[in-house]
């Protein structure tokens, strides 16, 4: 390692070297150590015998001043001790320029560019690009997020690798997996009565051209920063200096981050006049206040869900139907209702929380209504269970596992063998009983139009 030697210099006999240090981005290299290094007898012995005889730190403008240098022949080195840049701007000592310092001399104009690899305080950020999404609508058109075709979303196809990125239409931000390359942008599963009037990114018309990010779309770098579009894992590389107080012993820091695009992705939607023949049946409309829902079904048939939480079904036949709304994950809240449809439209249908939807909730089914009036109700049903040991008829304790669509719940079975599961829609569920004596029972349970009482026995 390099050592600082205390070489006594008589007054007024030491030399001085001044200069300016800049970065590869042509910015002042502030807060960088610059040193005068004795010329070693052999270049192969640099790590063992080289000594620093004067050290200084650059100011905000990259200027440095090295003083009290004994007469001799020296290299000027900047940056990391284990990997410096030598004047006039090389990491190879053999290519460095030797300065001869005489007694009392001042050598000025020692200006050079420090290589990035020599900067201990250089932080490199591989940044993901986040693009704001702006949706414009006409005549109070609602933004659809789910239709009979599936989830309504922006689809970006990356060229040349063909990778796809899907983003919900109501998302405020689009994150590009890599900012370089071209993207074909389209709208998937838009309802038939909608049309795309315009789709753009900055000044690019995405209905005709592909999305391509340029440096003009990125925020202006702060002083001392350097931003590049590169073939990295994210496509954007941001380099900046770490404050001297935060510099650690590691040579360089590489982290992941994100930046916000200056350009927006802008979409304008409008409604079209449908020329399709009228569909027999009535319309069912409602709203759910809880955000984050993504799919809505009536007797297993998909409807249209909007970003404001409203939904609708068209051409609903007469009969008794179960309406269900699903979230995006297995932990999302689930909602449902039972509705009897006759010959009139149903408005303002209220959906209630349910702990689980039936396993067969997506199976198309509708029960005949018969000669009954239109109505909707949200009465949920319960399962009351009593579990005993088959031979003794004594209550048993253990665990109850209840299975619904896309989720399972576990309950304690107390020593009296009694359990209750509430807030259920009609349909099929799974039920498993496990006792502390390692016996079990697994059944399929069908909930109808009333509460269900179960008397179960285990062996």
Protein backbone atom coordinates (compact mmCIF):
# COMPACT_ATOMS: atom_id res chain seq x y z
CA UNK A 1 0.00 0.00 0.00
CA UNK A 2 1.00 3.58 -0.44
CA UNK A 3 2.48 5.30 2.59
CA UNK A 4 2.79 8.98 3.40
CA UNK A 5 6.41 9.72 4.27
CA UNK A 6 7.38 12.62 6.49
CA UNK A 7 10.27 14.02 4.41
CA UNK A 8 11.59 17.22 6.00
CA UNK A 9 11.77 20.13 3.57
CA UNK A 10 13.73 23.28 4.45
CA UNK A 11 11.65 26.50 4.37
CA UNK A 12 11.05 27.93 0.89
CA UNK A 13 12.76 24.96 -0.78
CA UNK A 14 9.66 22.82 -1.39
CA UNK A 15 8.00 22.82 -4.80
CA UNK A 16 4.30 23.28 -5.66
CA UNK A 17 2.02 21.64 -8.25
CA UNK A 18 -1.40 23.05 -9.20
CA UNK A 19 -4.04 21.90 -11.62
CA UNK A 20 -7.67 21.02 -12.28
CA UNK A 21 -9.16 17.53 -12.11
CA UNK A 22 -12.30 16.69 -14.10
CA UNK A 23 -14.46 13.60 -14.54
CA UNK A 24 -15.06 11.61 -17.70
CA UNK A 25 -18.39 13.45 -17.92
CA UNK A 26 -16.42 16.73 -18.26
CA UNK A 27 -17.50 17.96 -14.84
CA UNK A 28 -15.33 19.17 -11.95
CA UNK A 29 -14.12 16.23 -9.83
CA UNK A 30 -14.82 17.70 -6.40
CA UNK A 31 -13.63 16.18 -3.12
CA UNK A 32 -11.06 13.87 -4.77
CA UNK A 33 -7.66 13.06 -3.23
CA UNK A 34 -4.68 14.06 -5.40
CA UNK A 35 -1.14 13.07 -4.43
CA UNK A 36 2.50 13.45 -5.43
CA UNK A 37 4.11 10.01 -5.75
CA UNK A 38 7.82 9.26 -5.90
CA UNK A 39 9.04 7.60 -9.06
CA UNK A 40 9.79 3.96 -8.13
CA UNK A 41 13.01 2.31 -9.21
CA UNK A 42 11.01 -0.36 -11.01
CA UNK A 43 7.42 -0.11 -12.26
CA UNK A 44 6.83 -3.66 -11.05
CA UNK A 45 7.57 -2.48 -7.51
CA UNK A 46 4.99 0.31 -7.42
CA UNK A 47 2.82 -1.32 -4.75
CA UNK A 48 5.81 -1.93 -2.48
CA UNK A 49 8.08 1.09 -2.68
CA UNK A 50 6.08 4.02 -3.99
CA UNK A 51 5.50 6.80 -1.47
CA UNK A 52 3.26 9.83 -1.34
CA UNK A 53 5.06 13.02 -0.40
CA UNK A 54 2.18 15.48 -0.63
CA UNK A 55 -1.59 15.06 -0.55
CA UNK A 56 -4.42 17.49 -1.25
CA UNK A 57 -8.17 17.37 -1.99
CA UNK A 58 -9.87 19.06 -4.92
CA UNK A 59 -12.34 21.87 -4.27
CA UNK A 60 -15.81 22.25 -5.81
CA UNK A 61 -14.27 23.40 -9.09
CA UNK A 62 -11.89 20.41 -9.19
CA UNK A 63 -8.83 22.57 -8.43
CA UNK A 64 -5.95 21.20 -6.36
CA UNK A 65 -2.68 22.55 -4.91
CA UNK A 66 0.12 20.27 -3.74
CA UNK A 67 2.78 21.98 -1.61
CA UNK A 68 6.12 21.35 0.17
CA UNK A 69 7.31 18.86 -2.45
CA UNK A 70 11.01 17.97 -2.08
CA UNK A 71 13.06 18.26 -5.29
CA UNK A 72 12.79 15.12 -7.38
CA UNK A 73 10.92 13.21 -10.09
CA UNK A 74 7.26 12.40 -9.40
CA UNK A 75 3.99 11.05 -10.70
CA UNK A 76 0.73 12.88 -9.92
CA UNK A 77 -2.03 10.43 -8.94
CA UNK A 78 -5.73 11.03 -8.27
CA UNK A 79 -8.50 8.94 -6.74
CA UNK A 80 -8.43 5.48 -5.19
CA UNK A 81 -5.15 4.35 -3.65
CA UNK A 82 -5.62 0.85 -5.08
CA UNK A 83 -6.54 2.10 -8.57
CA UNK A 84 -5.54 5.73 -9.21
CA UNK A 85 -5.51 7.75 -12.40
CA UNK A 86 -2.06 9.10 -13.23
CA UNK A 87 -1.41 12.44 -14.91
CA UNK A 88 -2.07 13.09 -17.82
CA UNK A 89 -5.10 10.74 -17.54
CA UNK A 90 -4.25 7.02 -17.50
CA UNK A 91 -4.64 4.11 -15.10
CA UNK A 92 -1.34 2.60 -16.30
CA UNK A 93 1.66 4.00 -14.45
CA UNK A 94 3.90 3.22 -17.43
CA UNK A 95 1.84 5.73 -19.45
CA UNK A 96 1.97 8.37 -16.73
CA UNK A 97 4.01 11.54 -17.21
CA UNK A 98 6.87 12.21 -14.80
CA UNK A 99 7.23 15.74 -13.46
CA UNK A 100 10.61 17.07 -12.35
CA UNK A 101 10.24 19.38 -9.36
CA UNK A 102 13.11 21.72 -8.53
CA UNK A 103 13.64 23.56 -5.26
CA UNK A 104 11.02 26.33 -4.87
CA UNK A 105 9.43 25.66 -8.30
CA UNK A 106 5.70 25.97 -8.98
CA UNK A 107 4.41 23.72 -11.76
CA UNK A 108 0.93 24.82 -12.88
CA UNK A 109 -1.51 23.60 -15.53
CA UNK A 110 -1.39 19.97 -14.40
CA UNK A 111 -4.93 19.44 -15.65
CA UNK A 112 -6.22 15.94 -16.38
CA UNK A 113 -9.30 13.72 -16.48
CA UNK A 114 -9.79 11.11 -13.76
CA UNK A 115 -11.11 7.74 -14.93
CA UNK A 116 -14.43 6.65 -13.39
CA UNK A 117 -12.84 3.50 -11.98
CA UNK A 118 -10.56 5.65 -9.83
CA UNK A 119 -13.43 7.45 -8.13
CA UNK A 120 -14.08 5.84 -4.76
CA UNK A 121 -17.11 8.09 -4.27
CA UNK A 122 -18.81 7.21 -7.56
CA UNK A 123 -22.28 5.72 -7.22
CA UNK A 124 -23.77 3.98 -10.24
CA UNK A 125 -27.55 3.55 -10.35
CA UNK A 126 -29.24 1.20 -12.81
CA UNK A 127 -32.58 2.99 -12.97
CA UNK A 128 -35.96 1.66 -14.05
CA UNK A 129 -38.00 4.17 -16.04
CA UNK A 130 -41.48 4.98 -14.73
CA UNK A 131 -43.80 6.64 -17.24
CA UNK A 132 -46.89 8.57 -16.03
CA UNK A 133 -50.14 7.47 -17.71
CA UNK A 134 -52.74 10.10 -18.58
CA UNK A 135 -56.19 8.92 -19.74
CA UNK A 136 -58.53 11.43 -21.35
CA UNK A 137 -62.19 10.57 -21.79
CA UNK A 138 -65.02 12.25 -23.66
CA UNK A 139 -68.62 12.88 -22.61
CA UNK A 140 -68.14 11.42 -19.11
CA UNK A 141 -67.03 8.04 -20.47
CA UNK A 142 -65.94 5.67 -17.70
CA UNK A 143 -62.59 3.90 -17.85
CA UNK A 144 -63.13 0.14 -18.27
CA UNK A 145 -60.79 -2.19 -16.36
CA UNK A 146 -62.53 -5.51 -17.09
CA UNK A 147 -64.77 -6.62 -19.96
CA UNK A 148 -66.31 -9.79 -21.38
CA UNK A 149 -62.93 -10.40 -23.06
CA UNK A 150 -60.88 -10.11 -19.87
CA UNK A 151 -58.78 -7.50 -18.10
CA UNK A 152 -58.48 -4.23 -20.01
CA UNK A 153 -54.82 -3.27 -20.07
CA UNK A 154 -51.99 -1.62 -21.91
CA UNK A 155 -49.74 -4.16 -23.57
CA UNK A 156 -46.16 -3.28 -24.49
CA UNK A 157 -44.20 -5.67 -26.69
CA UNK A 158 -40.44 -5.11 -26.63
CA UNK A 159 -38.33 -5.47 -29.76
CA UNK A 160 -36.19 -7.30 -30.60
CA UNK A 161 -36.75 -9.87 -27.82
CA UNK A 162 -40.58 -9.89 -27.94
CA UNK A 163 -40.99 -9.58 -24.15
CA UNK A 164 -44.45 -8.40 -23.03
CA UNK A 165 -45.45 -6.02 -20.26
CA UNK A 166 -49.14 -5.70 -19.29
CA UNK A 167 -50.37 -2.78 -17.18
CA UNK A 168 -53.96 -2.27 -15.91
CA UNK A 169 -55.67 0.53 -17.79
CA UNK A 170 -56.36 2.50 -14.60
CA UNK A 171 -52.74 2.36 -13.41
CA UNK A 172 -51.18 5.82 -12.94
CA UNK A 173 -47.66 4.61 -13.74
CA UNK A 174 -46.07 2.29 -16.30
CA UNK A 175 -42.66 0.83 -15.42
CA UNK A 176 -40.56 -0.22 -18.38
CA UNK A 177 -38.49 -3.38 -17.77
CA UNK A 178 -35.75 -1.86 -19.94
CA UNK A 179 -35.66 1.68 -21.30
CA UNK A 180 -33.78 0.88 -24.50
CA UNK A 181 -35.23 -0.70 -27.64
CA UNK A 182 -38.64 -0.18 -29.25
CA UNK A 183 -42.06 -1.03 -27.82
CA UNK A 184 -45.25 -1.75 -29.73
CA UNK A 185 -48.09 -0.38 -27.56
CA UNK A 186 -51.73 -1.47 -27.75
CA UNK A 187 -54.92 -1.80 -25.68
CA UNK A 188 -56.08 -5.32 -24.85
CA UNK A 189 -59.73 -6.41 -24.23
CA UNK A 190 -61.33 -3.00 -24.76
CA UNK A 191 -65.17 -3.33 -24.85
CA UNK A 192 -66.81 -3.27 -28.28
CA UNK A 193 -68.45 0.10 -27.73
CA UNK A 194 -65.13 1.85 -27.02
CA UNK A 195 -62.56 3.23 -29.44
CA UNK A 196 -59.05 4.65 -29.06
CA UNK A 197 -58.96 8.19 -30.44
CA UNK A 198 -55.29 8.81 -29.68
CA UNK A 199 -52.33 7.11 -28.03
CA UNK A 200 -48.99 8.87 -27.67
CA UNK A 201 -45.74 9.05 -25.75
CA UNK A 202 -44.40 12.58 -25.76
CA UNK A 203 -44.50 13.57 -29.43
CA UNK A 204 -44.65 9.97 -30.73
CA UNK A 205 -48.00 8.83 -32.15
CA UNK A 206 -48.16 5.26 -30.88
CA UNK A 207 -51.03 4.35 -33.19
CA UNK A 208 -48.51 4.53 -36.05
CA UNK A 209 -45.06 4.29 -34.46
CA UNK A 210 -43.31 2.39 -31.68
CA UNK A 211 -42.44 3.83 -28.29
CA UNK A 212 -38.76 4.73 -28.07
CA UNK A 213 -37.14 6.48 -25.10
CA UNK A 214 -34.53 9.20 -25.71
CA UNK A 215 -32.44 11.28 -23.34
CA UNK A 216 -34.88 14.14 -23.97
CA UNK A 217 -37.57 12.07 -22.19
CA UNK A 218 -35.42 11.72 -19.06
CA UNK A 219 -35.10 14.31 -16.28
CA UNK A 220 -32.15 16.67 -16.44
CA UNK A 221 -29.24 15.31 -14.37
CA UNK A 222 -28.32 17.22 -11.25
CA UNK A 223 -24.91 18.95 -11.11
CA UNK A 224 -22.24 16.29 -10.86
CA UNK A 225 -24.50 13.56 -12.30
CA UNK A 226 -24.20 11.71 -15.59
CA UNK A 227 -27.14 9.91 -17.22
CA UNK A 228 -26.81 7.40 -20.05
CA UNK A 229 -29.00 5.06 -22.09
CA UNK A 230 -26.98 1.85 -22.08
CA UNK A 231 -27.28 -1.88 -22.63
CA UNK A 232 -27.63 -2.52 -18.88
CA UNK A 233 -30.30 -4.56 -17.15
CA UNK A 234 -32.59 -1.50 -16.94
CA UNK A 235 -31.35 0.51 -19.91
CA UNK A 236 -30.59 3.64 -17.85
CA UNK A 237 -27.38 4.30 -15.96
CA UNK A 238 -27.05 7.24 -13.63
CA UNK A 239 -23.64 8.09 -12.16
CA UNK A 240 -23.16 10.54 -9.31
CA UNK A 241 -20.67 11.29 -6.60
CA UNK A 242 -21.33 10.28 -3.01
CA UNK A 243 -20.68 12.99 -0.42
CA UNK A 244 -17.26 12.51 1.14
CA UNK A 245 -18.82 11.85 4.56
CA UNK A 246 -20.71 8.85 3.13
CA UNK A 247 -17.86 7.23 1.21
CA UNK A 248 -17.02 3.74 2.44
CA UNK A 249 -14.05 1.53 1.76
CA UNK A 250 -15.60 -0.27 -1.22
CA UNK A 251 -14.29 1.03 -4.57
CA UNK A 252 -17.65 1.73 -6.21
CA UNK A 253 -21.35 1.43 -5.36
CA UNK A 254 -23.89 -0.01 -7.82
CA UNK A 255 -27.54 0.11 -6.81
CA UNK A 256 -30.98 -0.24 -8.39
CA UNK A 257 -33.42 2.65 -8.50
CA UNK A 258 -36.02 4.36 -10.66
CA UNK A 259 -36.61 7.71 -12.33
CA UNK A 260 -39.76 9.37 -13.64
CA UNK A 261 -40.05 10.13 -17.33
CA UNK A 262 -40.63 13.76 -18.33
CA UNK A 263 -42.89 12.53 -21.13
CA UNK A 264 -46.33 11.04 -20.43
CA UNK A 265 -48.08 8.15 -22.12
CA UNK A 266 -51.42 9.70 -23.07
CA UNK A 267 -54.55 7.77 -24.09
CA UNK A 268 -57.85 9.24 -25.26
CA UNK A 269 -60.95 6.99 -25.23
CA UNK A 270 -64.41 7.58 -26.64
CA UNK A 271 -67.66 5.65 -26.92
CA UNK A 272 -68.83 4.38 -30.31
CA UNK A 273 -72.36 3.94 -31.61
CA UNK A 274 -73.07 0.23 -31.66
CA UNK A 275 -74.57 -1.21 -34.84
CA UNK A 276 -75.03 -4.68 -33.30
CA UNK A 277 -78.60 -5.91 -32.85
CA UNK A 278 -80.14 -5.51 -29.43
CA UNK A 279 -79.43 -8.39 -27.05
CA UNK A 280 -82.49 -9.89 -25.31
CA UNK A 281 -82.58 -9.62 -21.54
CA UNK A 282 -82.22 -6.80 -19.03
CA UNK A 283 -79.35 -4.74 -17.65
CA UNK A 284 -77.96 -5.11 -14.14
CA UNK A 285 -75.88 -2.28 -12.70
CA UNK A 286 -74.23 -1.61 -9.37
CA UNK A 287 -71.19 -0.28 -7.55
CA UNK A 288 -68.62 -1.41 -5.04
CA UNK A 289 -66.87 1.20 -2.93
CA UNK A 290 -63.71 -0.79 -2.26
CA UNK A 291 -60.96 -0.07 -4.77
CA UNK A 292 -58.69 -2.73 -6.20
CA UNK A 293 -61.30 -5.06 -7.71
CA UNK A 294 -60.49 -6.36 -11.17
CA UNK A 295 -63.15 -8.85 -12.30
CA UNK A 296 -66.95 -9.13 -12.03
CA UNK A 297 -69.22 -12.05 -12.96
CA UNK A 298 -72.94 -12.84 -13.02
CA UNK A 299 -73.66 -16.59 -12.88
CA UNK A 300 -70.16 -17.20 -14.24
CA UNK A 301 -70.53 -14.77 -17.16
CA UNK A 302 -68.13 -11.79 -17.18
CA UNK A 303 -69.51 -8.25 -17.14
CA UNK A 304 -67.91 -4.82 -17.47
CA UNK A 305 -66.14 -3.23 -14.50
CA UNK A 306 -65.03 0.41 -14.49
CA UNK A 307 -62.24 2.22 -12.65
CA UNK A 308 -64.76 4.12 -10.51
CA UNK A 309 -66.07 0.85 -9.00
CA UNK A 310 -69.27 0.68 -11.06
CA UNK A 311 -70.19 -2.41 -13.05
CA UNK A 312 -72.86 -3.58 -15.48
CA UNK A 313 -74.19 -6.67 -17.21
CA UNK A 314 -76.22 -6.59 -20.41
CA UNK A 315 -78.63 -9.13 -21.81
CA UNK A 316 -79.22 -10.83 -18.45
CA UNK A 317 -81.89 -13.56 -18.78
CA UNK A 318 -84.69 -14.02 -16.26
CA UNK A 319 -83.74 -16.20 -13.32
CA UNK A 320 -81.88 -16.30 -10.08
CA UNK A 321 -78.23 -15.25 -10.37
CA UNK A 322 -75.17 -14.91 -8.16
CA UNK A 323 -73.03 -11.81 -8.75
CA UNK A 324 -69.39 -11.96 -7.65
CA UNK A 325 -66.51 -9.52 -7.73
CA UNK A 326 -62.88 -10.66 -7.45
CA UNK A 327 -59.70 -8.87 -6.50
CA UNK A 328 -56.26 -9.15 -8.03
CA UNK A 329 -54.75 -11.44 -5.37
CA UNK A 330 -55.80 -14.31 -3.11
CA UNK A 331 -55.81 -11.89 -0.16
CA UNK A 332 -58.05 -9.28 -1.84
CA UNK A 333 -61.52 -8.79 -0.44
CA UNK A 334 -64.31 -10.59 -2.30
CA UNK A 335 -67.87 -9.36 -2.78
CA UNK A 336 -71.14 -10.94 -3.85
CA UNK A 337 -74.94 -10.81 -3.99
CA UNK A 338 -77.90 -12.91 -5.04
CA UNK A 339 -80.32 -11.39 -7.54
CA UNK A 340 -83.60 -12.51 -9.10
CA UNK A 341 -84.18 -11.00 -12.54
CA UNK A 342 -87.48 -10.68 -14.33
CA UNK A 343 -88.34 -8.26 -17.14
CA UNK A 344 -87.01 -4.97 -15.67
CA UNK A 345 -83.51 -3.54 -15.40
CA UNK A 346 -81.87 -3.74 -11.97
CA UNK A 347 -80.10 -0.60 -10.71
CA UNK A 348 -77.84 0.12 -7.73
CA UNK A 349 -77.16 -3.50 -6.85
CA UNK A 350 -75.35 -3.68 -3.53
CA UNK A 351 -72.55 -6.20 -3.12
CA UNK A 352 -71.50 -7.37 0.34
CA UNK A 353 -68.23 -8.71 1.72
CA UNK A 354 -67.95 -12.47 1.76
CA UNK A 355 -65.20 -14.48 3.39
CA UNK A 356 -64.95 -16.72 0.35
CA UNK A 357 -66.62 -17.18 -3.01
CA UNK A 358 -67.88 -20.63 -4.05
CA UNK A 359 -65.45 -22.95 -5.80
CA UNK A 360 -67.78 -23.01 -8.82
CA UNK A 361 -68.36 -19.25 -8.95
CA UNK A 362 -67.05 -19.02 -12.54
CA UNK A 363 -69.17 -21.92 -13.81
CA UNK A 364 -71.98 -20.50 -15.98
CA UNK A 365 -75.30 -21.24 -14.27
CA UNK A 366 -78.63 -19.54 -13.65
CA UNK A 367 -81.65 -20.94 -11.86
CA UNK A 368 -85.11 -20.35 -13.39
CA UNK A 369 -86.94 -17.58 -11.56
CA UNK A 370 -90.45 -18.79 -12.26
CA UNK A 371 -93.36 -16.38 -12.01
CA UNK A 372 -91.78 -14.06 -9.44
CA UNK A 373 -91.22 -10.33 -9.34
CA UNK A 374 -87.85 -8.69 -9.93
CA UNK A 375 -85.80 -8.38 -6.75
CA UNK A 376 -82.29 -8.34 -5.44
CA UNK A 377 -81.08 -9.24 -2.01
CA UNK A 378 -77.74 -9.60 -0.28
CA UNK A 379 -78.63 -12.05 2.45
CA UNK A 380 -75.65 -14.28 3.17
CA UNK A 381 -75.86 -17.76 4.63
CA UNK A 382 -74.01 -19.61 7.38
CA UNK A 383 -72.73 -23.12 8.02
CA UNK A 384 -73.28 -24.44 11.57
CA UNK A 385 -71.22 -27.55 12.27
CA UNK A 386 -71.05 -30.11 15.06
CA UNK A 387 -68.23 -32.69 14.97
CA UNK A 388 -68.16 -35.90 17.05
CA UNK A 389 -66.09 -39.06 17.20
CA UNK A 390 -67.99 -41.80 15.33
CA UNK A 391 -67.78 -44.57 17.93
CA UNK A 392 -68.22 -42.56 21.15
CA UNK A 393 -70.29 -39.64 19.80
CA UNK A 394 -68.16 -37.37 21.96
CA UNK A 395 -67.27 -33.90 20.60
CA UNK A 396 -63.75 -33.57 19.21
CA UNK A 397 -61.33 -30.63 18.94
CA UNK A 398 -59.01 -29.76 16.09
CA UNK A 399 -58.75 -27.60 12.99
CA UNK A 400 -61.38 -26.65 10.36
CA UNK A 401 -60.12 -25.73 6.87
CA UNK A 402 -62.67 -24.04 4.62
CA UNK A 403 -61.93 -23.81 0.88
CA UNK A 404 -63.45 -21.31 -1.52
CA UNK A 405 -62.46 -19.87 -4.89
CA UNK A 406 -58.75 -18.92 -4.88
CA UNK A 407 -58.43 -19.02 -1.10
CA UNK A 408 -58.60 -21.19 2.03
CA UNK A 409 -59.33 -20.20 5.64
CA UNK A 410 -58.43 -22.08 8.82
CA UNK A 411 -60.46 -22.01 12.03
CA UNK A 412 -60.05 -23.59 15.44
CA UNK A 413 -62.41 -26.42 16.33
CA UNK A 414 -62.96 -26.11 20.12
CA UNK A 415 -63.46 -28.99 22.52
CA UNK A 416 -67.27 -28.82 22.17
CA UNK A 417 -66.89 -29.70 18.46
CA UNK A 418 -68.94 -26.66 17.37
CA UNK A 419 -68.00 -24.26 14.56
CA UNK A 420 -69.74 -21.63 12.44
CA UNK A 421 -68.77 -20.05 9.11
CA UNK A 422 -70.80 -17.00 8.09
CA UNK A 423 -71.25 -14.60 5.14
CA UNK A 424 -71.46 -17.20 2.38
CA UNK A 425 -73.08 -17.08 -1.05
CA UNK A 426 -74.92 -20.10 -2.47
CA UNK A 427 -72.55 -22.53 -4.14
CA UNK A 428 -70.02 -25.31 -3.59
CA UNK A 429 -67.24 -25.19 -0.99
CA UNK A 430 -64.64 -27.56 0.41
CA UNK A 431 -64.52 -28.49 4.11
CA UNK A 432 -61.78 -30.44 5.92
CA UNK A 433 -61.78 -31.43 9.60
CA UNK A 434 -58.52 -32.47 11.30
CA UNK A 435 -58.60 -33.55 14.94
CA UNK A 436 -55.78 -33.57 17.44
CA UNK A 437 -56.00 -37.40 17.38
CA UNK A 438 -54.80 -37.33 13.73
CA UNK A 439 -58.18 -38.24 12.27
CA UNK A 440 -59.63 -36.24 9.41
CA UNK A 441 -62.69 -35.72 7.26
CA UNK A 442 -62.78 -34.06 3.81
CA UNK A 443 -66.10 -33.12 2.18
CA UNK A 444 -67.66 -31.00 -0.51
CA UNK A 445 -70.41 -28.77 0.92
CA UNK A 446 -73.22 -27.19 -1.10
CA UNK A 447 -74.80 -24.06 0.35
CA UNK A 448 -78.30 -23.40 -0.96
CA UNK A 449 -80.84 -20.69 -0.19
CA UNK A 450 -80.82 -21.27 3.56
CA UNK A 451 -78.37 -21.68 6.42
CA UNK A 452 -76.80 -25.14 6.54
CA UNK A 453 -76.61 -27.37 9.62
CA UNK A 454 -73.96 -30.09 9.51
CA UNK A 455 -73.61 -33.05 11.86
CA UNK A 456 -70.24 -34.62 11.11
CA UNK A 457 -68.48 -37.64 12.55
CA UNK A 458 -64.85 -38.68 12.32
CA UNK A 459 -63.27 -42.08 12.94
